[in-house]
Amino acid sequence: MKKLLVILAIGAFAACNNASDSAEATVDSVKTAAEATIESTQNAAEATIDSTKSAVDAVVDSVKEATKQ
């Protein structure tokens, strides 16, 4: 009976260690997905800023040309 309890205790310990590894993997995958979302949002914001800046620069250049004449 003692051998059975020792075997069950070892099995339970091993199961707990595997659960911990699984939880870490889940946290890592969620973290990776969140980082990808943040990076994508930053890239989209930068693209919007760049296109807005280009449009404003074009308008400023147009006004400068119009006032020269």
PDB file of N, CA and C in Angstrom:
ATOM      1  N   MET A   1       0.825  -1.192   0.000  1.00  0.00           N
ATOM      2  CA  MET A   1       0.000   0.000   0.000  1.00  0.00           C
ATOM      3  C   MET A   1       0.872   1.259   0.000  1.00  0.00           C
ATOM      4  N   LYS A   2       1.983   1.230   0.746  1.00  0.00           N
ATOM      5  CA  LYS A   2       2.863   2.392   0.789  1.00  0.00           C
ATOM      6  C   LYS A   2       3.477   2.660  -0.580  1.00  0.00           C
ATOM      7  N   LYS A   3       3.792   1.593  -1.302  1.00  0.00           N
ATOM      8  CA  LYS A   3       4.357   1.768  -2.644  1.00  0.00           C
ATOM      9  C   LYS A   3       3.348   2.444  -3.567  1.00  0.00           C
ATOM     10  N   LEU A   4       2.087   2.070  -3.446  1.00  0.00           N
ATOM     11  CA  LEU A   4       1.039   2.669  -4.261  1.00  0.00           C
ATOM     12  C   LEU A   4       0.916   4.164  -3.951  1.00  0.00           C
ATOM     13  N   LEU A   5       0.956   4.521  -2.671  1.00  0.00           N
ATOM     14  CA  LEU A   5       0.867   5.930  -2.296  1.00  0.00           C
ATOM     15  C   LEU A   5       2.062   6.720  -2.821  1.00  0.00           C
ATOM     16  N   VAL A   6       3.247   6.119  -2.759  1.00  0.00           N
ATOM     17  CA  VAL A   6       4.437   6.792  -3.278  1.00  0.00           C
ATOM     18  C   VAL A   6       4.310   7.001  -4.783  1.00  0.00           C
ATOM     19  N   ILE A   7       3.830   5.994  -5.479  1.00  0.00           N
ATOM     20  CA  ILE A   7       3.652   6.107  -6.936  1.00  0.00           C
ATOM     21  C   ILE A   7       2.613   7.174  -7.257  1.00  0.00           C
ATOM     22  N   LEU A   8       1.516   7.198  -6.516  1.00  0.00           N
ATOM     23  CA  LEU A   8       0.488   8.213  -6.749  1.00  0.00           C
ATOM     24  C   LEU A   8       1.018   9.614  -6.432  1.00  0.00           C
ATOM     25  N   ALA A   9       1.814   9.743  -5.381  1.00  0.00           N
ATOM     26  CA  ALA A   9       2.384  11.048  -5.029  1.00  0.00           C
ATOM     27  C   ALA A   9       3.327  11.535  -6.122  1.00  0.00           C
ATOM     28  N   ILE A  10       4.146  10.638  -6.641  1.00  0.00           N
ATOM     29  CA  ILE A  10       5.054  11.012  -7.726  1.00  0.00           C
ATOM     30  C   ILE A  10       4.265  11.413  -8.966  1.00  0.00           C
ATOM     31  N   GLY A  11       3.225  10.668  -9.262  1.00  0.00           N
ATOM     32  CA  GLY A  11       2.375  11.000 -10.411  1.00  0.00           C
ATOM     33  C   GLY A  11       1.705  12.359 -10.254  1.00  0.00           C
ATOM     34  N   ALA A  12       1.219  12.632  -9.043  1.00  0.00           N
ATOM     35  CA  ALA A  12       0.579  13.930  -8.793  1.00  0.00           C
ATOM     36  C   ALA A  12       1.593  15.062  -8.920  1.00  0.00           C
ATOM     37  N   PHE A  13       2.794  14.837  -8.412  1.00  0.00           N
ATOM     38  CA  PHE A  13       3.844  15.846  -8.522  1.00  0.00           C
ATOM     39  C   PHE A  13       4.182  16.124  -9.982  1.00  0.00           C
ATOM     40  N   ALA A  14       4.301  15.078 -10.763  1.00  0.00           N
ATOM     41  CA  ALA A  14       4.616  15.231 -12.185  1.00  0.00           C
ATOM     42  C   ALA A  14       3.492  15.967 -12.903  1.00  0.00           C
ATOM     43  N   ALA A  15       2.256  15.662 -12.547  1.00  0.00           N
ATOM     44  CA  ALA A  15       1.116  16.332 -13.181  1.00  0.00           C
ATOM     45  C   ALA A  15       1.117  17.818 -12.844  1.00  0.00           C
ATOM     46  N   CYS A  16       1.454  18.161 -11.610  1.00  0.00           N
ATOM     47  CA  CYS A  16       1.502  19.577 -11.222  1.00  0.00           C
ATOM     48  C   CYS A  16       2.608  20.314 -11.979  1.00  0.00           C
ATOM     49  N   ASN A  17       3.734  19.672 -12.162  1.00  0.00           N
ATOM     50  CA  ASN A  17       4.819  20.314 -12.905  1.00  0.00           C
ATOM     51  C   ASN A  17       4.423  20.542 -14.353  1.00  0.00           C
ATOM     52  N   ASN A  18       3.768  19.598 -14.965  1.00  0.00           N
ATOM     53  CA  ASN A  18       3.317  19.756 -16.351  1.00  0.00           C
ATOM     54  C   ASN A  18       2.268  20.844 -16.461  1.00  0.00           C
ATOM     55  N   ALA A  19       1.399  20.962 -15.461  1.00  0.00           N
ATOM     56  CA  ALA A  19       0.382  22.019 -15.477  1.00  0.00           C
ATOM     57  C   ALA A  19       1.054  23.382 -15.411  1.00  0.00           C
ATOM     58  N   SER A  20       2.107  23.483 -14.636  1.00  0.00           N
ATOM     59  CA  SER A  20       2.829  24.744 -14.527  1.00  0.00           C
ATOM     60  C   SER A  20       3.463  25.116 -15.861  1.00  0.00           C
ATOM     61  N   ASP A  21       4.069  24.155 -16.528  1.00  0.00           N
ATOM     62  CA  ASP A  21       4.667  24.410 -17.836  1.00  0.00           C
ATOM     63  C   ASP A  21       3.606  24.830 -18.844  1.00  0.00           C
ATOM     64  N   SER A  22       2.460  24.178 -18.781  1.00  0.00           N
ATOM     65  CA  SER A  22       1.372  24.507 -19.691  1.00  0.00           C
ATOM     66  C   SER A  22       0.873  25.925 -19.441  1.00  0.00           C
ATOM     67  N   ALA A  23       0.764  26.303 -18.178  1.00  0.00           N
ATOM     68  CA  ALA A  23       0.311  27.656 -17.851  1.00  0.00           C
ATOM     69  C   ALA A  23       1.319  28.686 -18.358  1.00  0.00           C
ATOM     70  N   GLU A  24       2.588  28.403 -18.209  1.00  0.00           N
ATOM     71  CA  GLU A  24       3.618  29.326 -18.699  1.00  0.00           C
ATOM     72  C   GLU A  24       3.536  29.460 -20.217  1.00  0.00           C
ATOM     73  N   ALA A  25       3.294  28.364 -20.897  1.00  0.00           N
ATOM     74  CA  ALA A  25       3.177  28.412 -22.355  1.00  0.00           C
ATOM     75  C   ALA A  25       1.969  29.241 -22.763  1.00  0.00           C
ATOM     76  N   THR A  26       0.874  29.100 -22.021  1.00  0.00           N
ATOM     77  CA  THR A  26      -0.327  29.890 -22.317  1.00  0.00           C
ATOM     78  C   THR A  26      -0.068  31.367 -22.102  1.00  0.00           C
ATOM     79  N   VAL A  27       0.585  31.706 -21.003  1.00  0.00           N
ATOM     80  CA  VAL A  27       0.911  33.108 -20.723  1.00  0.00           C
ATOM     81  C   VAL A  27       1.819  33.658 -21.809  1.00  0.00           C
ATOM     82  N   ASP A  28       2.812  32.880 -22.211  1.00  0.00           N
ATOM     83  CA  ASP A  28       3.728  33.334 -23.260  1.00  0.00           C
ATOM     84  C   ASP A  28       3.001  33.572 -24.574  1.00  0.00           C
ATOM     85  N   SER A  29       2.072  32.685 -24.926  1.00  0.00           N
ATOM     86  CA  SER A  29       1.361  32.865 -26.197  1.00  0.00           C
ATOM     87  C   SER A  29       0.443  34.077 -26.152  1.00  0.00           C
ATOM     88  N   VAL A  30      -0.196  34.314 -25.005  1.00  0.00           N
ATOM     89  CA  VAL A  30      -1.050  35.501 -24.871  1.00  0.00           C
ATOM     90  C   VAL A  30      -0.198  36.765 -24.937  1.00  0.00           C
ATOM     91  N   LYS A  31       0.964  36.725 -24.279  1.00  0.00           N
ATOM     92  CA  LYS A  31       1.871  37.874 -24.295  1.00  0.00           C
ATOM     93  C   LYS A  31       2.341  38.167 -25.715  1.00  0.00           C
ATOM     94  N   THR A  32       2.681  37.116 -26.454  1.00  0.00           N
ATOM     95  CA  THR A  32       3.126  37.289 -27.831  1.00  0.00           C
ATOM     96  C   THR A  32       2.020  37.893 -28.694  1.00  0.00           C
ATOM     97  N   ALA A  33       0.804  37.404 -28.517  1.00  0.00           N
ATOM     98  CA  ALA A  33      -0.322  37.942 -29.285  1.00  0.00           C
ATOM     99  C   ALA A  33      -0.569  39.405 -28.939  1.00  0.00           C
ATOM    100  N   ALA A  34      -0.470  39.741 -27.662  1.00  0.00           N
ATOM    101  CA  ALA A  34      -0.672  41.136 -27.248  1.00  0.00           C
ATOM    102  C   ALA A  34       0.410  42.033 -27.822  1.00  0.00           C
ATOM    103  N   GLU A  35       1.650  41.559 -27.805  1.00  0.00           N
ATOM    104  CA  GLU A  35       2.744  42.354 -28.368  1.00  0.00           C
ATOM    105  C   GLU A  35       2.560  42.561 -29.862  1.00  0.00           C
ATOM    106  N   ALA A  36       2.085  41.531 -30.549  1.00  0.00           N
ATOM    107  CA  ALA A  36       1.841  41.659 -31.989  1.00  0.00           C
ATOM    108  C   ALA A  36       0.735  42.676 -32.263  1.00  0.00           C
ATOM    109  N   THR A  37      -0.303  42.660 -31.430  1.00  0.00           N
ATOM    110  CA  THR A  37      -1.399  43.620 -31.591  1.00  0.00           C
ATOM    111  C   THR A  37      -0.912  45.039 -31.352  1.00  0.00           C
ATOM    112  N   ILE A  38      -0.097  45.216 -30.315  1.00  0.00           N
ATOM    113  CA  ILE A  38       0.445  46.550 -30.019  1.00  0.00           C
ATOM    114  C   ILE A  38       1.313  47.037 -31.168  1.00  0.00           C
ATOM    115  N   GLU A  39       2.167  46.159 -31.674  1.00  0.00           N
ATOM    116  CA  GLU A  39       3.047  46.542 -32.782  1.00  0.00           C
ATOM    117  C   GLU A  39       2.238  46.903 -34.021  1.00  0.00           C
ATOM    118  N   SER A  40       1.209  46.126 -34.301  1.00  0.00           N
ATOM    119  CA  SER A  40       0.359  46.400 -35.457  1.00  0.00           C
ATOM    120  C   SER A  40      -0.349  47.741 -35.311  1.00  0.00           C
ATOM    121  N   THR A  41      -0.833  48.020 -34.105  1.00  0.00           N
ATOM    122  CA  THR A  41      -1.511  49.298 -33.851  1.00  0.00           C
ATOM    123  C   THR A  41      -0.543  50.458 -33.996  1.00  0.00           C
ATOM    124  N   GLN A  42       0.669  50.285 -33.493  1.00  0.00           N
ATOM    125  CA  GLN A  42       1.671  51.338 -33.624  1.00  0.00           C
ATOM    126  C   GLN A  42       2.015  51.583 -35.086  1.00  0.00           C
ATOM    127  N   ASN A  43       2.153  50.509 -35.860  1.00  0.00           N
ATOM    128  CA  ASN A  43       2.472  50.660 -37.282  1.00  0.00           C
ATOM    129  C   ASN A  43       1.345  51.371 -38.014  1.00  0.00           C
ATOM    130  N   ALA A  44       0.107  51.037 -37.679  1.00  0.00           N
ATOM    131  CA  ALA A  44      -1.035  51.692 -38.323  1.00  0.00           C
ATOM    132  C   ALA A  44      -1.073  53.166 -37.951  1.00  0.00           C
ATOM    133  N   ALA A  45      -0.796  53.475 -36.690  1.00  0.00           N
ATOM    134  CA  ALA A  45      -0.795  54.879 -36.259  1.00  0.00           C
ATOM    135  C   ALA A  45       0.305  55.648 -36.962  1.00  0.00           C
ATOM    136  N   GLU A  46       1.485  55.052 -37.081  1.00  0.00           N
ATOM    137  CA  GLU A  46       2.587  55.715 -37.767  1.00  0.00           C
ATOM    138  C   GLU A  46       2.257  55.956 -39.237  1.00  0.00           C
ATOM    139  N   ALA A  47       1.607  54.998 -39.863  1.00  0.00           N
ATOM    140  CA  ALA A  47       1.229  55.166 -41.264  1.00  0.00           C
ATOM    141  C   ALA A  47       0.217  56.293 -41.411  1.00  0.00           C
ATOM    142  N   THR A  48      -0.724  56.379 -40.482  1.00  0.00           N
ATOM    143  CA  THR A  48      -1.723  57.459 -40.527  1.00  0.00           C
ATOM    144  C   THR A  48      -1.060  58.814 -40.326  1.00  0.00           C
ATOM    145  N   ILE A  49      -0.151  58.866 -39.383  1.00  0.00           N
ATOM    146  CA  ILE A  49       0.570  60.123 -39.127  1.00  0.00           C
ATOM    147  C   ILE A  49       1.381  60.526 -40.353  1.00  0.00           C
ATOM    148  N   ASP A  50       2.069  59.564 -40.953  1.00  0.00           N
ATOM    149  CA  ASP A  50       2.877  59.865 -42.132  1.00  0.00           C
ATOM    150  C   ASP A  50       2.016  60.362 -43.290  1.00  0.00           C
ATOM    151  N   SER A  51       0.880  59.709 -43.511  1.00  0.00           N
ATOM    152  CA  SER A  51       0.035  60.134 -44.630  1.00  0.00           C
ATOM    153  C   SER A  51      -0.584  61.508 -44.351  1.00  0.00           C
ATOM    154  N   THR A  52      -0.938  61.772 -43.108  1.00  0.00           N
ATOM    155  CA  THR A  52      -1.478  63.088 -42.753  1.00  0.00           C
ATOM    156  C   THR A  52      -0.410  64.158 -42.925  1.00  0.00           C
ATOM    157  N   LYS A  53       0.804  63.862 -42.507  1.00  0.00           N
ATOM    158  CA  LYS A  53       1.906  64.816 -42.666  1.00  0.00           C
ATOM    159  C   LYS A  53       2.154  65.100 -44.139  1.00  0.00           C
ATOM    160  N   SER A  54       2.108  64.065 -44.958  1.00  0.00           N
ATOM    161  CA  SER A  54       2.314  64.259 -46.395  1.00  0.00           C
ATOM    162  C   SER A  54       1.218  65.133 -46.984  1.00  0.00           C
ATOM    163  N   ALA A  55      -0.012  64.903 -46.563  1.00  0.00           N
ATOM    164  CA  ALA A  55      -1.124  65.712 -47.068  1.00  0.00           C
ATOM    165  C   ALA A  55      -0.981  67.165 -46.632  1.00  0.00           C
ATOM    166  N   VAL A  56      -0.596  67.381 -45.382  1.00  0.00           N
ATOM    167  CA  VAL A  56      -0.412  68.749 -44.888  1.00  0.00           C
ATOM    168  C   VAL A  56       0.743  69.423 -45.629  1.00  0.00           C
ATOM    169  N   ASP A  57       1.817  68.701 -45.840  1.00  0.00           N
ATOM    170  CA  ASP A  57       2.957  69.257 -46.580  1.00  0.00           C
ATOM    171  C   ASP A  57       2.545  69.648 -47.999  1.00  0.00           C
ATOM    172  N   ALA A  58       1.729  68.826 -48.620  1.00  0.00           N
ATOM    173  CA  ALA A  58       1.262  69.129 -49.979  1.00  0.00           C
ATOM    174  C   ALA A  58       0.415  70.396 -49.986  1.00  0.00           C
ATOM    175  N   VAL A  59      -0.439  70.547 -48.989  1.00  0.00           N
ATOM    176  CA  VAL A  59      -1.279  71.752 -48.906  1.00  0.00           C
ATOM    177  C   VAL A  59      -0.408  72.977 -48.658  1.00  0.00           C
ATOM    178  N   VAL A  60       0.565  72.869 -47.761  1.00  0.00           N
ATOM    179  CA  VAL A  60       1.457  73.991 -47.473  1.00  0.00           C
ATOM    180  C   VAL A  60       2.237  74.380 -48.725  1.00  0.00           C
ATOM    181  N   ASP A  61       2.753  73.405 -49.440  1.00  0.00           N
ATOM    182  CA  ASP A  61       3.477  73.695 -50.683  1.00  0.00           C
ATOM    183  C   ASP A  61       2.571  74.364 -51.696  1.00  0.00           C
ATOM    184  N   SER A  62       1.348  73.900 -51.782  1.00  0.00           N
ATOM    185  CA  SER A  62       0.385  74.476 -52.719  1.00  0.00           C
ATOM    186  C   SER A  62       0.093  75.922 -52.369  1.00  0.00           C
ATOM    187  N   VAL A  63      -0.088  76.211 -51.087  1.00  0.00           N
ATOM    188  CA  VAL A  63      -0.361  77.582 -50.651  1.00  0.00           C
ATOM    189  C   VAL A  63       0.859  78.466 -50.908  1.00  0.00           C
ATOM    190  N   LYS A  64       2.047  77.935 -50.655  1.00  0.00           N
ATOM    191  CA  LYS A  64       3.275  78.717 -50.913  1.00  0.00           C
ATOM    192  C   LYS A  64       3.384  79.072 -52.383  1.00  0.00           C
ATOM    193  N   GLU A  65       3.092  78.121 -53.251  1.00  0.00           N
ATOM    194  CA  GLU A  65       3.163  78.371 -54.692  1.00  0.00           C
ATOM    195  C   GLU A  65       2.116  79.413 -55.101  1.00  0.00           C
ATOM    196  N   ALA A  66       0.933  79.312 -54.514  1.00  0.00           N
ATOM    197  CA  ALA A  66      -0.136  80.252 -54.869  1.00  0.00           C
ATOM    198  C   ALA A  66       0.191  81.671 -54.402  1.00  0.00           C
ATOM    199  N   THR A  67       0.846  81.799 -53.279  1.00  0.00           N
ATOM    200  CA  THR A  67       1.158  83.132 -52.767  1.00  0.00           C
ATOM    201  C   THR A  67       2.358  83.751 -53.470  1.00  0.00           C
ATOM    202  N   LYS A  68       3.202  82.963 -54.127  1.00  0.00           N
ATOM    203  CA  LYS A  68       4.350  83.489 -54.866  1.00  0.00           C
ATOM    204  C   LYS A  68       3.920  84.217 -56.110  1.00  0.00           C
ATOM    205  N   GLN A  69       2.816  83.805 -56.667  1.00  0.00           N
ATOM    206  CA  GLN A  69       2.401  84.373 -57.948  1.00  0.00           C
ATOM    207  C   GLN A  69       1.641  85.631 -57.805  1.00  0.00           C
TER     208      GLN A  69
END
